[in-house]
Amino acid sequence: MGGLRKKMPRHVLDLHAGTLALAGLPPFSGFYSKDSISRSRQHKHRTVRARRRVAALTTFYMFAACFVRFLARRG
């Protein structure tokens, strides 16, 4: 699987935009939810730390999926 960038250019942009939103960058929607989680870290609950870990792992997985699907060479 890979090399779909030329065949599906619109999907590349959509998946990258969704991944950036999931990463929590400021112009995207995910920033606002990550910001509220970061503000609640003052409480230092285990659930807040667990949510941040899950969000970080999900973001890593999505960037890896983008790379494998669209940017990796087919082989």
C-alpha atoms as a PDB file:
ATOM      1  CA  MET A   1       0.000   0.000   0.000  1.00  0.00           C
ATOM      2  CA  GLY A   2       1.331   3.401  -0.837  1.00  0.00           C
ATOM      3  CA  GLY A   3       1.841   5.828  -3.659  1.00  0.00           C
ATOM      4  CA  LEU A   4      -1.790   6.960  -3.710  1.00  0.00           C
ATOM      5  CA  ARG A   5      -0.871  10.644  -3.732  1.00  0.00           C
ATOM      6  CA  LYS A   6      -1.144  10.940  -7.526  1.00  0.00           C
ATOM      7  CA  LYS A   7      -4.332   8.919  -7.813  1.00  0.00           C
ATOM      8  CA  MET A   8      -6.208  10.577  -4.933  1.00  0.00           C
ATOM      9  CA  PRO A   9      -5.013  14.190  -4.544  1.00  0.00           C
ATOM     10  CA  ARG A  10      -8.172  15.441  -2.836  1.00  0.00           C
ATOM     11  CA  HIS A  11      -8.074  12.658  -0.257  1.00  0.00           C
ATOM     12  CA  VAL A  12      -4.467  13.520   0.578  1.00  0.00           C
ATOM     13  CA  LEU A  13      -5.485  17.053   1.528  1.00  0.00           C
ATOM     14  CA  ASP A  14      -8.496  15.863   3.499  1.00  0.00           C
ATOM     15  CA  LEU A  15      -6.555  13.287   5.497  1.00  0.00           C
ATOM     16  CA  HIS A  16      -3.727  15.724   6.199  1.00  0.00           C
ATOM     17  CA  ALA A  17      -6.193  18.377   7.382  1.00  0.00           C
ATOM     18  CA  GLY A  18      -7.860  15.854   9.667  1.00  0.00           C
ATOM     19  CA  THR A  19      -4.517  14.714  11.019  1.00  0.00           C
ATOM     20  CA  LEU A  20      -3.444  18.281  11.730  1.00  0.00           C
ATOM     21  CA  ALA A  21      -6.736  18.896  13.524  1.00  0.00           C
ATOM     22  CA  LEU A  22      -6.173  15.770  15.574  1.00  0.00           C
ATOM     23  CA  ALA A  23      -2.663  16.985  16.405  1.00  0.00           C
ATOM     24  CA  GLY A  24      -4.162  20.129  17.899  1.00  0.00           C
ATOM     25  CA  LEU A  25      -2.645  22.874  15.778  1.00  0.00           C
ATOM     26  CA  PRO A  26      -4.169  26.329  16.434  1.00  0.00           C
ATOM     27  CA  PRO A  27      -6.156  27.043  13.265  1.00  0.00           C
ATOM     28  CA  PHE A  28      -7.802  23.625  13.356  1.00  0.00           C
ATOM     29  CA  SER A  29     -10.654  22.444  15.572  1.00  0.00           C
ATOM     30  CA  GLY A  30      -8.566  20.026  17.611  1.00  0.00           C
ATOM     31  CA  PHE A  31      -6.675  22.897  19.195  1.00  0.00           C
ATOM     32  CA  TYR A  32      -9.647  23.925  21.294  1.00  0.00           C
ATOM     33  CA  SER A  33     -10.166  20.495  22.826  1.00  0.00           C
ATOM     34  CA  LYS A  34      -6.442  20.033  23.458  1.00  0.00           C
ATOM     35  CA  ASP A  35      -6.317  23.481  25.010  1.00  0.00           C
ATOM     36  CA  SER A  36      -9.026  22.591  27.507  1.00  0.00           C
ATOM     37  CA  ILE A  37      -7.213  19.353  28.386  1.00  0.00           C
ATOM     38  CA  SER A  38      -3.997  21.283  28.904  1.00  0.00           C
ATOM     39  CA  ARG A  39      -5.746  23.793  31.150  1.00  0.00           C
ATOM     40  CA  SER A  40      -7.183  21.016  33.257  1.00  0.00           C
ATOM     41  CA  ARG A  41      -3.752  19.523  33.863  1.00  0.00           C
ATOM     42  CA  GLN A  42      -3.523  21.675  36.963  1.00  0.00           C
ATOM     43  CA  HIS A  43      -5.649  19.058  38.672  1.00  0.00           C
ATOM     44  CA  LYS A  44      -3.120  16.324  37.785  1.00  0.00           C
ATOM     45  CA  HIS A  45      -5.676  13.561  37.643  1.00  0.00           C
ATOM     46  CA  ARG A  46      -4.676  10.259  36.169  1.00  0.00           C
ATOM     47  CA  THR A  47      -7.502  10.483  33.657  1.00  0.00           C
ATOM     48  CA  VAL A  48      -6.190  13.775  32.248  1.00  0.00           C
ATOM     49  CA  ARG A  49      -2.723  12.313  31.800  1.00  0.00           C
ATOM     50  CA  ALA A  50      -4.184   9.206  30.192  1.00  0.00           C
ATOM     51  CA  ARG A  51      -6.235  11.296  27.759  1.00  0.00           C
ATOM     52  CA  ARG A  52      -3.177  13.287  26.747  1.00  0.00           C
ATOM     53  CA  ARG A  53      -1.210  10.076  26.153  1.00  0.00           C
ATOM     54  CA  VAL A  54      -3.988   8.606  24.045  1.00  0.00           C
ATOM     55  CA  ALA A  55      -4.207  11.828  22.016  1.00  0.00           C
ATOM     56  CA  ALA A  56      -0.449  11.806  21.421  1.00  0.00           C
ATOM     57  CA  LEU A  57      -0.442   8.154  20.356  1.00  0.00           C
ATOM     58  CA  THR A  58      -3.417   8.687  18.062  1.00  0.00           C
ATOM     59  CA  THR A  59      -1.701  11.662  16.428  1.00  0.00           C
ATOM     60  CA  PHE A  60       1.465   9.615  15.879  1.00  0.00           C
ATOM     61  CA  TYR A  61      -0.570   6.787  14.359  1.00  0.00           C
ATOM     62  CA  MET A  62      -2.381   9.149  11.985  1.00  0.00           C
ATOM     63  CA  PHE A  63       0.857  10.743  10.744  1.00  0.00           C
ATOM     64  CA  ALA A  64       2.232   7.245  10.145  1.00  0.00           C
ATOM     65  CA  ALA A  65      -0.948   6.287   8.267  1.00  0.00           C
ATOM     66  CA  CYS A  66      -0.650   9.402   6.077  1.00  0.00           C
ATOM     67  CA  PHE A  67       2.917   8.534   5.235  1.00  0.00           C
ATOM     68  CA  VAL A  68       2.221   4.899   4.428  1.00  0.00           C
ATOM     69  CA  ARG A  69      -0.891   5.551   2.353  1.00  0.00           C
ATOM     70  CA  PHE A  70       0.141   8.542   0.330  1.00  0.00           C
ATOM     71  CA  LEU A  71       3.854   9.266   0.488  1.00  0.00           C
ATOM     72  CA  ALA A  72       5.581   5.883   0.695  1.00  0.00           C
ATOM     73  CA  ARG A  73       6.708   4.237  -2.481  1.00  0.00           C
ATOM     74  CA  ARG A  74       4.797   1.259  -3.620  1.00  0.00           C
ATOM     75  CA  GLY A  75       6.907  -1.819  -3.367  1.00  0.00           C
END
